[in-house]
């Protein structure tokens, strides 16, 4: 999720100071993605460097109000109109963990899957308990949309674990059979010469 673009979109509604932006971000995401104030100000500095926001008025408490520029508003419109493209290569820790574990001798991958499934189901239950299908106001609706997304992701993870378990059971001869390759990569750090 783009914190940068989200902050710009909020600023497109009107000038805000840092803590105010943090509060608005929390309100609009149901406090499901906590941001620290340092992250807000670092992002604002980069947005200013890129010509998307500028410092505006300072109130009697010393709050600097940030204002969006025309280029910033255009960037928000582009962001909202564009689809989110998910990365083609996975960096999902669970997928990588199970892929590697399935190639290691002596590793009980079924146990790893079972432990993960129990954890995922517990998380799914907690998310469903926190869900509010009757959200009325805009803040409640925003929070429920994020929680719904987390529920769908947790359900997909449980389905994927079930699928992985079935696939590994169908190919027991292939599991744990990947020995270290004898082919040596051409690149690598050369050994240090012995010091006499």
N, C-alpha and C. Protein backbone atom coordinates (compact mmCIF):
# COMPACT_ATOMS: atom_id res chain seq x y z
N UNK A 1 0.84 -1.18 0.00
CA UNK A 1 0.00 0.00 0.00
C UNK A 1 0.88 1.22 0.00
N UNK A 2 0.51 2.22 -0.74
CA UNK A 2 1.31 3.41 -0.84
C UNK A 2 0.91 4.43 0.20
N UNK A 3 1.73 4.53 1.23
CA UNK A 3 1.51 5.56 2.25
C UNK A 3 1.63 6.92 1.60
N UNK A 4 2.61 7.06 0.74
CA UNK A 4 2.87 8.32 0.04
C UNK A 4 1.61 8.79 -0.69
N UNK A 5 1.03 7.91 -1.50
CA UNK A 5 -0.15 8.30 -2.27
C UNK A 5 -1.36 8.52 -1.38
N UNK A 6 -1.46 7.74 -0.32
CA UNK A 6 -2.59 7.92 0.60
C UNK A 6 -2.53 9.28 1.28
N UNK A 7 -1.33 9.68 1.71
CA UNK A 7 -1.18 11.00 2.34
C UNK A 7 -1.49 12.11 1.35
N UNK A 8 -1.04 11.94 0.12
CA UNK A 8 -1.36 12.92 -0.92
C UNK A 8 -2.87 13.02 -1.13
N UNK A 9 -3.54 11.88 -1.16
CA UNK A 9 -5.00 11.87 -1.37
C UNK A 9 -5.71 12.59 -0.23
N UNK A 10 -5.21 12.43 0.99
CA UNK A 10 -5.81 13.14 2.13
C UNK A 10 -5.56 14.64 1.99
N UNK A 11 -4.34 15.00 1.63
CA UNK A 11 -4.02 16.42 1.45
C UNK A 11 -4.82 17.05 0.31
N UNK A 12 -5.25 16.24 -0.63
CA UNK A 12 -6.07 16.75 -1.72
C UNK A 12 -7.43 17.23 -1.21
N UNK A 13 -7.80 16.80 0.02
CA UNK A 13 -9.05 17.26 0.63
C UNK A 13 -8.87 18.59 1.35
N UNK A 14 -7.61 18.95 1.65
CA UNK A 14 -7.35 20.21 2.33
C UNK A 14 -6.04 20.14 3.10
N UNK A 15 -5.48 21.30 3.48
CA UNK A 15 -4.20 21.35 4.20
C UNK A 15 -4.29 20.64 5.56
N UNK A 16 -3.20 19.97 5.93
CA UNK A 16 -3.10 19.26 7.20
C UNK A 16 -1.69 19.40 7.73
N UNK A 17 -1.54 19.29 9.05
CA UNK A 17 -0.20 19.18 9.64
C UNK A 17 0.06 17.70 9.91
N UNK A 18 1.29 17.36 10.29
CA UNK A 18 1.73 15.97 10.39
C UNK A 18 0.87 15.08 11.25
N UNK A 19 0.63 15.47 12.50
CA UNK A 19 -0.18 14.64 13.39
C UNK A 19 -1.61 14.52 12.87
N UNK A 20 -2.09 15.57 12.26
CA UNK A 20 -3.44 15.54 11.69
C UNK A 20 -3.50 14.53 10.54
N UNK A 21 -2.45 14.50 9.70
CA UNK A 21 -2.40 13.52 8.62
C UNK A 21 -2.40 12.09 9.17
N UNK A 22 -1.65 11.90 10.23
CA UNK A 22 -1.60 10.57 10.85
C UNK A 22 -2.99 10.17 11.34
N UNK A 23 -3.68 11.09 12.01
CA UNK A 23 -5.03 10.81 12.52
C UNK A 23 -6.00 10.54 11.37
N UNK A 24 -5.89 11.31 10.30
CA UNK A 24 -6.77 11.11 9.14
C UNK A 24 -6.50 9.76 8.47
N UNK A 25 -5.23 9.39 8.35
CA UNK A 25 -4.86 8.10 7.78
C UNK A 25 -5.46 6.97 8.62
N UNK A 26 -5.33 7.09 9.96
CA UNK A 26 -5.90 6.09 10.87
C UNK A 26 -7.42 6.00 10.71
N UNK A 27 -8.07 7.16 10.64
CA UNK A 27 -9.53 7.18 10.49
C UNK A 27 -9.97 6.49 9.20
N UNK A 28 -9.20 6.69 8.16
CA UNK A 28 -9.60 6.21 6.83
C UNK A 28 -9.19 4.76 6.57
N UNK A 29 -8.35 4.21 7.44
CA UNK A 29 -7.93 2.81 7.27
C UNK A 29 -8.32 1.97 8.47
N UNK A 30 -9.12 2.53 9.37
CA UNK A 30 -9.57 1.79 10.54
C UNK A 30 -8.44 1.45 11.50
N UNK A 31 -7.39 2.25 11.51
CA UNK A 31 -6.23 2.03 12.38
C UNK A 31 -5.62 0.65 12.18
N UNK A 32 -5.74 0.11 10.98
CA UNK A 32 -5.20 -1.23 10.72
C UNK A 32 -3.76 -1.18 10.23
N UNK A 33 -3.26 -0.01 9.89
CA UNK A 33 -1.90 0.15 9.41
C UNK A 33 -1.28 1.32 10.17
N UNK A 34 -0.77 1.09 11.37
CA UNK A 34 -0.26 2.21 12.18
C UNK A 34 0.97 2.87 11.54
N UNK A 35 0.95 4.17 11.50
CA UNK A 35 2.09 4.94 11.01
C UNK A 35 2.68 5.73 12.16
N UNK A 36 3.99 5.84 12.20
CA UNK A 36 4.57 6.71 13.22
C UNK A 36 4.76 8.10 12.61
N UNK A 37 4.84 9.07 13.47
CA UNK A 37 4.90 10.46 13.00
C UNK A 37 6.17 10.71 12.20
N UNK A 38 7.26 10.07 12.58
CA UNK A 38 8.50 10.22 11.82
C UNK A 38 8.33 9.81 10.37
N UNK A 39 7.60 8.73 10.15
CA UNK A 39 7.33 8.26 8.80
C UNK A 39 6.51 9.30 8.03
N UNK A 40 5.57 9.92 8.70
CA UNK A 40 4.75 10.95 8.06
C UNK A 40 5.63 12.11 7.60
N UNK A 41 6.48 12.61 8.52
CA UNK A 41 7.30 13.77 8.18
C UNK A 41 8.36 13.44 7.13
N UNK A 42 8.93 12.23 7.18
CA UNK A 42 9.88 11.83 6.13
C UNK A 42 9.19 11.79 4.77
N UNK A 43 7.98 11.27 4.76
CA UNK A 43 7.21 11.20 3.51
C UNK A 43 6.88 12.60 3.02
N UNK A 44 6.48 13.49 3.92
CA UNK A 44 6.18 14.87 3.53
C UNK A 44 7.41 15.56 2.95
N UNK A 45 8.58 15.34 3.55
CA UNK A 45 9.81 15.93 3.02
C UNK A 45 10.09 15.45 1.60
N UNK A 46 9.88 14.16 1.35
CA UNK A 46 10.11 13.62 0.00
C UNK A 46 9.07 14.16 -0.98
N UNK A 47 7.82 14.27 -0.52
CA UNK A 47 6.79 14.84 -1.39
C UNK A 47 7.09 16.29 -1.74
N UNK A 48 7.62 17.03 -0.76
CA UNK A 48 8.00 18.42 -1.03
C UNK A 48 9.16 18.47 -2.02
N UNK A 49 10.16 17.61 -1.82
CA UNK A 49 11.30 17.54 -2.74
C UNK A 49 10.84 17.27 -4.16
N UNK A 50 9.79 16.41 -4.29
CA UNK A 50 9.29 16.04 -5.61
C UNK A 50 8.27 17.03 -6.18
N UNK A 51 8.02 18.12 -5.46
CA UNK A 51 7.11 19.15 -5.94
C UNK A 51 5.64 18.81 -5.85
N UNK A 52 5.28 17.84 -5.00
CA UNK A 52 3.89 17.41 -4.90
C UNK A 52 3.14 18.07 -3.75
N UNK A 53 3.89 18.57 -2.76
CA UNK A 53 3.30 19.33 -1.64
C UNK A 53 4.22 20.51 -1.34
N UNK A 54 3.67 21.45 -0.58
CA UNK A 54 4.49 22.57 -0.12
C UNK A 54 4.01 22.99 1.26
N UNK A 55 4.91 23.62 1.99
CA UNK A 55 4.55 24.11 3.32
C UNK A 55 3.67 25.32 3.17
N UNK A 56 2.63 25.36 3.99
CA UNK A 56 1.70 26.47 3.96
C UNK A 56 1.76 27.26 5.25
N UNK A 57 0.60 27.61 5.78
CA UNK A 57 0.50 28.43 6.99
C UNK A 57 0.99 27.68 8.22
N UNK A 58 1.39 28.45 9.21
CA UNK A 58 1.75 27.92 10.52
C UNK A 58 0.76 28.51 11.51
N UNK A 59 0.09 27.64 12.29
CA UNK A 59 -0.91 28.15 13.23
C UNK A 59 -0.25 28.62 14.53
N UNK A 60 -1.06 29.10 15.45
CA UNK A 60 -0.56 29.67 16.70
C UNK A 60 0.15 28.64 17.58
N UNK A 61 -0.11 27.34 17.38
CA UNK A 61 0.60 26.30 18.13
C UNK A 61 1.90 25.87 17.44
N UNK A 62 2.17 26.45 16.29
CA UNK A 62 3.40 26.12 15.56
C UNK A 62 3.26 24.97 14.58
N UNK A 63 2.03 24.50 14.34
CA UNK A 63 1.81 23.43 13.36
C UNK A 63 2.00 23.96 11.95
N UNK A 64 2.82 23.28 11.19
CA UNK A 64 3.02 23.63 9.78
C UNK A 64 1.99 22.86 8.96
N UNK A 65 1.16 23.59 8.25
CA UNK A 65 0.15 22.96 7.41
C UNK A 65 0.74 22.71 6.03
N UNK A 66 0.61 21.48 5.57
CA UNK A 66 1.11 21.09 4.25
C UNK A 66 -0.04 21.17 3.26
N UNK A 67 0.28 21.68 2.07
CA UNK A 67 -0.72 21.84 1.02
C UNK A 67 -0.27 21.08 -0.22
N UNK A 68 -1.23 20.51 -0.91
CA UNK A 68 -0.92 19.78 -2.13
C UNK A 68 -0.75 20.76 -3.28
N UNK A 69 0.14 20.45 -4.20
CA UNK A 69 0.34 21.27 -5.40
C UNK A 69 -0.53 20.71 -6.52
N UNK A 70 -0.57 21.41 -7.64
CA UNK A 70 -1.32 20.90 -8.80
C UNK A 70 -0.73 19.57 -9.26
N UNK A 71 0.60 19.45 -9.23
CA UNK A 71 1.23 18.19 -9.61
C UNK A 71 0.85 17.07 -8.63
N UNK A 72 0.71 17.41 -7.37
CA UNK A 72 0.29 16.44 -6.37
C UNK A 72 -1.14 15.97 -6.62
N UNK A 73 -2.02 16.90 -6.93
CA UNK A 73 -3.41 16.53 -7.24
C UNK A 73 -3.48 15.63 -8.47
N UNK A 74 -2.66 15.94 -9.47
CA UNK A 74 -2.62 15.11 -10.68
C UNK A 74 -2.12 13.71 -10.32
N UNK A 75 -1.14 13.63 -9.44
CA UNK A 75 -0.60 12.33 -9.01
C UNK A 75 -1.68 11.51 -8.29
N UNK A 76 -2.49 12.16 -7.48
CA UNK A 76 -3.59 11.47 -6.78
C UNK A 76 -4.58 10.91 -7.79
N UNK A 77 -4.95 11.72 -8.77
CA UNK A 77 -5.91 11.27 -9.79
C UNK A 77 -5.35 10.06 -10.55
N UNK A 78 -4.07 10.10 -10.90
CA UNK A 78 -3.43 8.98 -11.60
C UNK A 78 -3.44 7.73 -10.73
N UNK A 79 -3.11 7.89 -9.45
CA UNK A 79 -3.06 6.75 -8.52
C UNK A 79 -4.43 6.10 -8.38
N UNK A 80 -5.46 6.92 -8.20
CA UNK A 80 -6.80 6.40 -8.03
C UNK A 80 -7.32 5.72 -9.29
N UNK A 81 -6.89 6.17 -10.46
CA UNK A 81 -7.37 5.62 -11.72
C UNK A 81 -6.61 4.37 -12.14
N UNK A 82 -5.43 4.13 -11.58
CA UNK A 82 -4.60 3.01 -12.01
C UNK A 82 -4.86 1.77 -11.15
N UNK A 83 -4.80 0.59 -11.76
CA UNK A 83 -4.95 -0.64 -10.96
C UNK A 83 -3.69 -0.87 -10.12
N UNK A 84 -3.85 -1.60 -9.05
CA UNK A 84 -2.71 -2.02 -8.25
C UNK A 84 -2.17 -3.29 -8.89
N UNK A 85 -0.92 -3.23 -9.31
CA UNK A 85 -0.28 -4.39 -9.94
C UNK A 85 0.57 -5.07 -8.88
N UNK A 86 0.23 -6.28 -8.60
CA UNK A 86 0.98 -7.04 -7.60
C UNK A 86 2.25 -7.57 -8.24
N UNK A 87 3.30 -7.67 -7.44
CA UNK A 87 4.58 -8.14 -7.94
C UNK A 87 4.45 -9.56 -8.48
N UNK A 88 5.13 -9.83 -9.58
CA UNK A 88 5.09 -11.16 -10.19
C UNK A 88 5.83 -12.19 -9.35
N UNK A 89 6.97 -11.82 -8.80
CA UNK A 89 7.74 -12.75 -7.99
C UNK A 89 7.28 -12.65 -6.54
N UNK A 90 7.21 -13.79 -5.88
CA UNK A 90 6.74 -13.78 -4.50
C UNK A 90 7.87 -13.49 -3.54
N UNK A 91 7.57 -12.71 -2.56
CA UNK A 91 8.48 -12.49 -1.44
C UNK A 91 7.74 -12.89 -0.16
N UNK A 92 6.69 -13.67 -0.35
CA UNK A 92 5.89 -14.11 0.78
C UNK A 92 6.71 -15.10 1.60
N UNK A 93 6.95 -14.75 2.86
CA UNK A 93 7.80 -15.57 3.70
C UNK A 93 7.28 -16.99 3.85
N UNK A 94 5.98 -17.15 3.99
CA UNK A 94 5.40 -18.49 4.16
C UNK A 94 5.61 -19.33 2.90
N UNK A 95 5.38 -18.77 1.72
CA UNK A 95 5.56 -19.52 0.48
C UNK A 95 7.02 -19.95 0.32
N UNK A 96 7.93 -19.05 0.60
CA UNK A 96 9.35 -19.38 0.49
C UNK A 96 9.73 -20.43 1.53
N UNK A 97 9.24 -20.27 2.76
CA UNK A 97 9.56 -21.23 3.83
C UNK A 97 9.12 -22.63 3.45
N UNK A 98 7.89 -22.78 2.95
CA UNK A 98 7.39 -24.12 2.59
C UNK A 98 8.09 -24.66 1.35
N UNK A 99 8.41 -23.80 0.39
CA UNK A 99 9.12 -24.26 -0.80
C UNK A 99 10.49 -24.81 -0.42
N UNK A 100 11.22 -24.09 0.43
CA UNK A 100 12.54 -24.56 0.85
C UNK A 100 12.42 -25.80 1.73
N UNK A 101 11.50 -25.76 2.69
CA UNK A 101 11.32 -26.90 3.60
C UNK A 101 11.00 -28.18 2.83
N UNK A 102 10.24 -28.06 1.75
CA UNK A 102 9.86 -29.26 0.99
C UNK A 102 11.04 -29.88 0.27
N UNK A 103 12.17 -29.20 0.20
CA UNK A 103 13.35 -29.74 -0.48
C UNK A 103 14.42 -30.23 0.49
N UNK A 104 14.17 -30.09 1.78
CA UNK A 104 15.18 -30.44 2.78
C UNK A 104 14.92 -31.82 3.37
N UNK A 105 15.95 -32.65 3.42
CA UNK A 105 15.76 -33.98 4.02
C UNK A 105 15.52 -33.88 5.52
N UNK A 106 14.65 -34.75 6.01
CA UNK A 106 14.40 -34.82 7.45
C UNK A 106 13.46 -33.77 8.00
N UNK A 107 12.86 -32.97 7.14
CA UNK A 107 11.95 -31.92 7.60
C UNK A 107 10.52 -32.42 7.45
N UNK A 108 9.74 -32.30 8.51
CA UNK A 108 8.34 -32.71 8.50
C UNK A 108 7.49 -31.52 8.01
N UNK A 109 7.34 -31.43 6.71
CA UNK A 109 6.62 -30.30 6.12
C UNK A 109 5.14 -30.34 6.52
N UNK A 110 4.58 -31.53 6.65
CA UNK A 110 3.18 -31.64 7.06
C UNK A 110 2.98 -30.99 8.43
N UNK A 111 3.95 -31.15 9.31
CA UNK A 111 3.86 -30.53 10.64
C UNK A 111 3.95 -29.00 10.54
N UNK A 112 4.85 -28.54 9.68
CA UNK A 112 4.98 -27.08 9.48
C UNK A 112 3.66 -26.52 8.96
N UNK A 113 3.06 -27.21 8.01
CA UNK A 113 1.76 -26.77 7.45
C UNK A 113 0.69 -26.79 8.52
N UNK A 114 0.66 -27.84 9.33
CA UNK A 114 -0.35 -27.94 10.38
C UNK A 114 -0.21 -26.81 11.40
N UNK A 115 1.01 -26.52 11.81
CA UNK A 115 1.24 -25.42 12.77
C UNK A 115 0.78 -24.09 12.17
N UNK A 116 1.13 -23.87 10.89
CA UNK A 116 0.73 -22.63 10.23
C UNK A 116 -0.77 -22.55 10.06
N UNK A 117 -1.39 -23.66 9.68
CA UNK A 117 -2.85 -23.66 9.49
C UNK A 117 -3.56 -23.30 10.79
N UNK A 118 -3.12 -23.89 11.90
CA UNK A 118 -3.75 -23.56 13.19
C UNK A 118 -3.60 -22.07 13.50
N UNK A 119 -2.43 -21.53 13.25
CA UNK A 119 -2.22 -20.10 13.48
C UNK A 119 -3.10 -19.25 12.56
N UNK A 120 -3.17 -19.63 11.29
CA UNK A 120 -3.98 -18.88 10.33
C UNK A 120 -5.46 -18.94 10.66
N UNK A 121 -5.94 -20.10 11.10
CA UNK A 121 -7.35 -20.25 11.47
C UNK A 121 -7.65 -19.42 12.71
N UNK A 122 -6.72 -19.39 13.67
CA UNK A 122 -6.92 -18.55 14.87
C UNK A 122 -7.01 -17.09 14.47
N UNK A 123 -6.12 -16.65 13.58
CA UNK A 123 -6.15 -15.26 13.11
C UNK A 123 -7.46 -14.98 12.36
N UNK A 124 -7.88 -15.92 11.55
CA UNK A 124 -9.12 -15.76 10.79
C UNK A 124 -10.32 -15.60 11.73
N UNK A 125 -10.36 -16.41 12.76
CA UNK A 125 -11.46 -16.29 13.74
C UNK A 125 -11.46 -14.93 14.41
N UNK A 126 -10.27 -14.45 14.78
CA UNK A 126 -10.17 -13.14 15.44
C UNK A 126 -10.61 -12.03 14.49
N UNK A 127 -10.23 -12.13 13.23
CA UNK A 127 -10.65 -11.12 12.25
C UNK A 127 -12.16 -11.14 12.05
N UNK A 128 -12.73 -12.33 11.96
CA UNK A 128 -14.18 -12.43 11.78
C UNK A 128 -14.93 -11.89 13.00
N UNK A 129 -14.35 -12.08 14.17
CA UNK A 129 -14.98 -11.54 15.38
C UNK A 129 -14.91 -10.01 15.39
N UNK A 130 -13.87 -9.46 14.77
CA UNK A 130 -13.71 -8.01 14.73
C UNK A 130 -14.48 -7.36 13.59
N UNK A 131 -14.95 -8.16 12.65
CA UNK A 131 -15.66 -7.62 11.49
C UNK A 131 -17.00 -7.03 11.90
N UNK A 132 -17.38 -5.98 11.20
CA UNK A 132 -18.66 -5.33 11.47
C UNK A 132 -19.43 -5.20 10.15
N UNK A 133 -20.28 -6.20 9.84
CA UNK A 133 -21.01 -6.16 8.57
C UNK A 133 -22.07 -5.06 8.52
N UNK A 134 -22.36 -4.45 9.65
CA UNK A 134 -23.39 -3.41 9.69
C UNK A 134 -22.78 -2.04 9.92
N UNK A 135 -21.56 -1.81 9.44
CA UNK A 135 -20.89 -0.53 9.63
C UNK A 135 -21.73 0.59 9.02
N UNK A 136 -21.94 1.64 9.81
CA UNK A 136 -22.80 2.73 9.37
C UNK A 136 -22.02 3.91 8.80
N UNK A 137 -21.18 4.50 9.63
CA UNK A 137 -20.50 5.72 9.24
C UNK A 137 -19.31 5.48 8.35
N UNK A 138 -18.75 6.55 7.80
CA UNK A 138 -17.62 6.41 6.88
C UNK A 138 -16.38 5.81 7.53
N UNK A 139 -16.10 6.14 8.78
CA UNK A 139 -14.93 5.56 9.46
C UNK A 139 -15.13 4.08 9.69
N UNK A 140 -16.32 3.68 10.14
CA UNK A 140 -16.60 2.28 10.39
C UNK A 140 -16.56 1.48 9.09
N UNK A 141 -17.10 2.07 8.02
CA UNK A 141 -17.08 1.40 6.72
C UNK A 141 -15.65 1.23 6.23
N UNK A 142 -14.82 2.26 6.37
CA UNK A 142 -13.42 2.17 5.94
C UNK A 142 -12.71 1.05 6.70
N UNK A 143 -12.90 1.01 8.00
CA UNK A 143 -12.27 -0.03 8.81
C UNK A 143 -12.76 -1.41 8.39
N UNK A 144 -14.07 -1.54 8.15
CA UNK A 144 -14.61 -2.85 7.80
C UNK A 144 -14.09 -3.32 6.43
N UNK A 145 -13.85 -2.40 5.52
CA UNK A 145 -13.29 -2.79 4.21
C UNK A 145 -11.89 -3.37 4.38
N UNK A 146 -11.08 -2.76 5.25
CA UNK A 146 -9.73 -3.27 5.48
C UNK A 146 -9.80 -4.63 6.18
N UNK A 147 -10.66 -4.74 7.18
CA UNK A 147 -10.81 -6.02 7.89
C UNK A 147 -11.31 -7.10 6.94
N UNK A 148 -12.25 -6.76 6.06
CA UNK A 148 -12.73 -7.72 5.07
C UNK A 148 -11.57 -8.22 4.19
N UNK A 149 -10.71 -7.31 3.78
CA UNK A 149 -9.55 -7.68 2.96
C UNK A 149 -8.65 -8.65 3.72
N UNK A 150 -8.43 -8.38 5.00
CA UNK A 150 -7.60 -9.27 5.81
C UNK A 150 -8.26 -10.65 5.97
N UNK A 151 -9.57 -10.67 6.09
CA UNK A 151 -10.31 -11.93 6.20
C UNK A 151 -10.14 -12.75 4.92
N UNK A 152 -10.33 -12.10 3.77
CA UNK A 152 -10.18 -12.80 2.50
C UNK A 152 -8.76 -13.33 2.34
N UNK A 153 -7.76 -12.55 2.74
CA UNK A 153 -6.37 -13.00 2.64
C UNK A 153 -6.11 -14.20 3.56
N UNK A 154 -6.66 -14.17 4.77
CA UNK A 154 -6.48 -15.29 5.71
C UNK A 154 -7.19 -16.54 5.19
N UNK A 155 -8.38 -16.36 4.62
CA UNK A 155 -9.09 -17.51 4.03
C UNK A 155 -8.29 -18.10 2.87
N UNK A 156 -7.74 -17.24 2.05
CA UNK A 156 -6.93 -17.70 0.92
C UNK A 156 -5.69 -18.44 1.41
N UNK A 157 -5.09 -17.96 2.49
CA UNK A 157 -3.91 -18.63 3.03
C UNK A 157 -4.25 -20.04 3.50
N UNK A 158 -5.38 -20.20 4.19
CA UNK A 158 -5.80 -21.52 4.66
C UNK A 158 -6.06 -22.44 3.46
N UNK A 159 -6.73 -21.92 2.43
CA UNK A 159 -6.97 -22.73 1.22
C UNK A 159 -5.65 -23.13 0.56
N UNK A 160 -4.70 -22.19 0.49
CA UNK A 160 -3.41 -22.47 -0.12
C UNK A 160 -2.64 -23.52 0.69
N UNK A 161 -2.72 -23.45 2.01
CA UNK A 161 -2.07 -24.47 2.85
C UNK A 161 -2.66 -25.85 2.58
N UNK A 162 -4.00 -25.92 2.47
CA UNK A 162 -4.65 -27.19 2.15
C UNK A 162 -4.18 -27.70 0.79
N UNK A 163 -4.12 -26.82 -0.18
CA UNK A 163 -3.68 -27.16 -1.53
C UNK A 163 -2.22 -27.67 -1.50
N UNK A 164 -1.37 -26.97 -0.79
CA UNK A 164 0.04 -27.36 -0.69
C UNK A 164 0.20 -28.73 -0.06
N UNK A 165 -0.57 -28.97 0.98
CA UNK A 165 -0.51 -30.26 1.65
C UNK A 165 -0.92 -31.39 0.69
N UNK A 166 -1.98 -31.17 -0.09
CA UNK A 166 -2.43 -32.18 -1.06
C UNK A 166 -1.37 -32.41 -2.14
N UNK A 167 -0.78 -31.33 -2.64
CA UNK A 167 0.24 -31.47 -3.70
C UNK A 167 1.45 -32.23 -3.21
N UNK A 168 1.90 -31.94 -2.02
CA UNK A 168 3.05 -32.66 -1.48
C UNK A 168 2.73 -34.13 -1.26
N UNK A 169 1.49 -34.41 -0.84
CA UNK A 169 1.08 -35.81 -0.62
C UNK A 169 1.01 -36.58 -1.94
N UNK A 170 0.70 -35.89 -3.04
CA UNK A 170 0.62 -36.53 -4.35
C UNK A 170 2.00 -36.85 -4.92
N UNK A 171 3.02 -36.18 -4.42
CA UNK A 171 4.37 -36.34 -4.97
C UNK A 171 5.39 -36.63 -3.87
N UNK A 172 5.17 -37.68 -3.09
CA UNK A 172 6.09 -37.92 -1.98
C UNK A 172 7.51 -38.25 -2.44
N UNK A 173 7.63 -38.80 -3.66
CA UNK A 173 8.97 -39.15 -4.15
C UNK A 173 9.78 -37.91 -4.52
N UNK A 174 9.10 -36.80 -4.81
CA UNK A 174 9.82 -35.59 -5.18
C UNK A 174 10.17 -34.74 -3.97
N UNK A 175 9.41 -34.88 -2.91
CA UNK A 175 9.67 -34.08 -1.72
C UNK A 175 11.00 -34.50 -1.10
N UNK A 176 11.72 -33.58 -0.60
CA UNK A 176 12.98 -33.81 0.11
C UNK A 176 14.04 -34.47 -0.77
N UNK A 177 13.99 -34.28 -2.06
CA UNK A 177 14.95 -34.96 -2.92
C UNK A 177 15.89 -33.99 -3.64
N UNK A 178 15.96 -32.78 -3.20
CA UNK A 178 16.78 -31.80 -3.89
C UNK A 178 18.12 -31.65 -3.17
N UNK A 179 19.13 -32.34 -3.69
CA UNK A 179 20.47 -32.28 -3.10
C UNK A 179 21.16 -31.01 -3.59
N UNK A 180 22.22 -30.66 -2.90
CA UNK A 180 23.01 -29.50 -3.33
C UNK A 180 23.56 -29.76 -4.73
N UNK A 181 23.54 -28.77 -5.56
CA UNK A 181 24.04 -28.89 -6.92
C UNK A 181 25.57 -28.95 -6.90
N UNK A 182 26.11 -29.74 -7.80
CA UNK A 182 27.57 -29.79 -7.92
C UNK A 182 28.07 -28.73 -8.89
N UNK A 183 27.16 -28.10 -9.61
CA UNK A 183 27.54 -27.00 -10.50
C UNK A 183 27.89 -25.79 -9.66
N UNK A 184 29.05 -25.25 -9.88
CA UNK A 184 29.48 -24.09 -9.13
C UNK A 184 29.16 -22.82 -9.90
N UNK A 185 28.56 -21.85 -9.23
CA UNK A 185 28.28 -20.57 -9.90
C UNK A 185 29.59 -19.91 -10.34
N UNK A 186 29.53 -19.17 -11.42
CA UNK A 186 30.72 -18.50 -11.93
C UNK A 186 31.13 -17.32 -11.08
N UNK A 187 30.18 -16.77 -10.37
CA UNK A 187 30.48 -15.60 -9.55
C UNK A 187 30.51 -16.00 -8.10
N UNK A 188 31.21 -15.25 -7.34
CA UNK A 188 31.27 -15.51 -5.91
C UNK A 188 32.48 -14.80 -5.32
N UNK A 189 32.51 -14.76 -4.05
CA UNK A 189 33.62 -14.10 -3.38
C UNK A 189 34.82 -15.04 -3.38
N UNK A 190 35.96 -14.57 -3.90
CA UNK A 190 37.14 -15.43 -3.89
C UNK A 190 37.69 -15.58 -2.48
N UNK A 191 38.35 -16.69 -2.26
CA UNK A 191 38.95 -16.94 -0.96
C UNK A 191 40.06 -15.92 -0.70
N UNK A 192 40.18 -15.52 0.53
CA UNK A 192 41.27 -14.61 0.88
C UNK A 192 42.59 -15.36 0.94
N UNK A 193 43.61 -14.72 0.45
CA UNK A 193 44.91 -15.40 0.53
C UNK A 193 45.36 -15.56 1.97
N UNK A 194 46.04 -16.66 2.24
CA UNK A 194 46.51 -16.89 3.60
C UNK A 194 47.56 -15.85 3.96
N UNK A 195 47.48 -15.35 5.18
CA UNK A 195 48.43 -14.36 5.66
C UNK A 195 49.58 -15.11 6.31
N UNK A 196 50.80 -14.78 5.90
CA UNK A 196 51.97 -15.49 6.46
C UNK A 196 52.47 -14.82 7.71
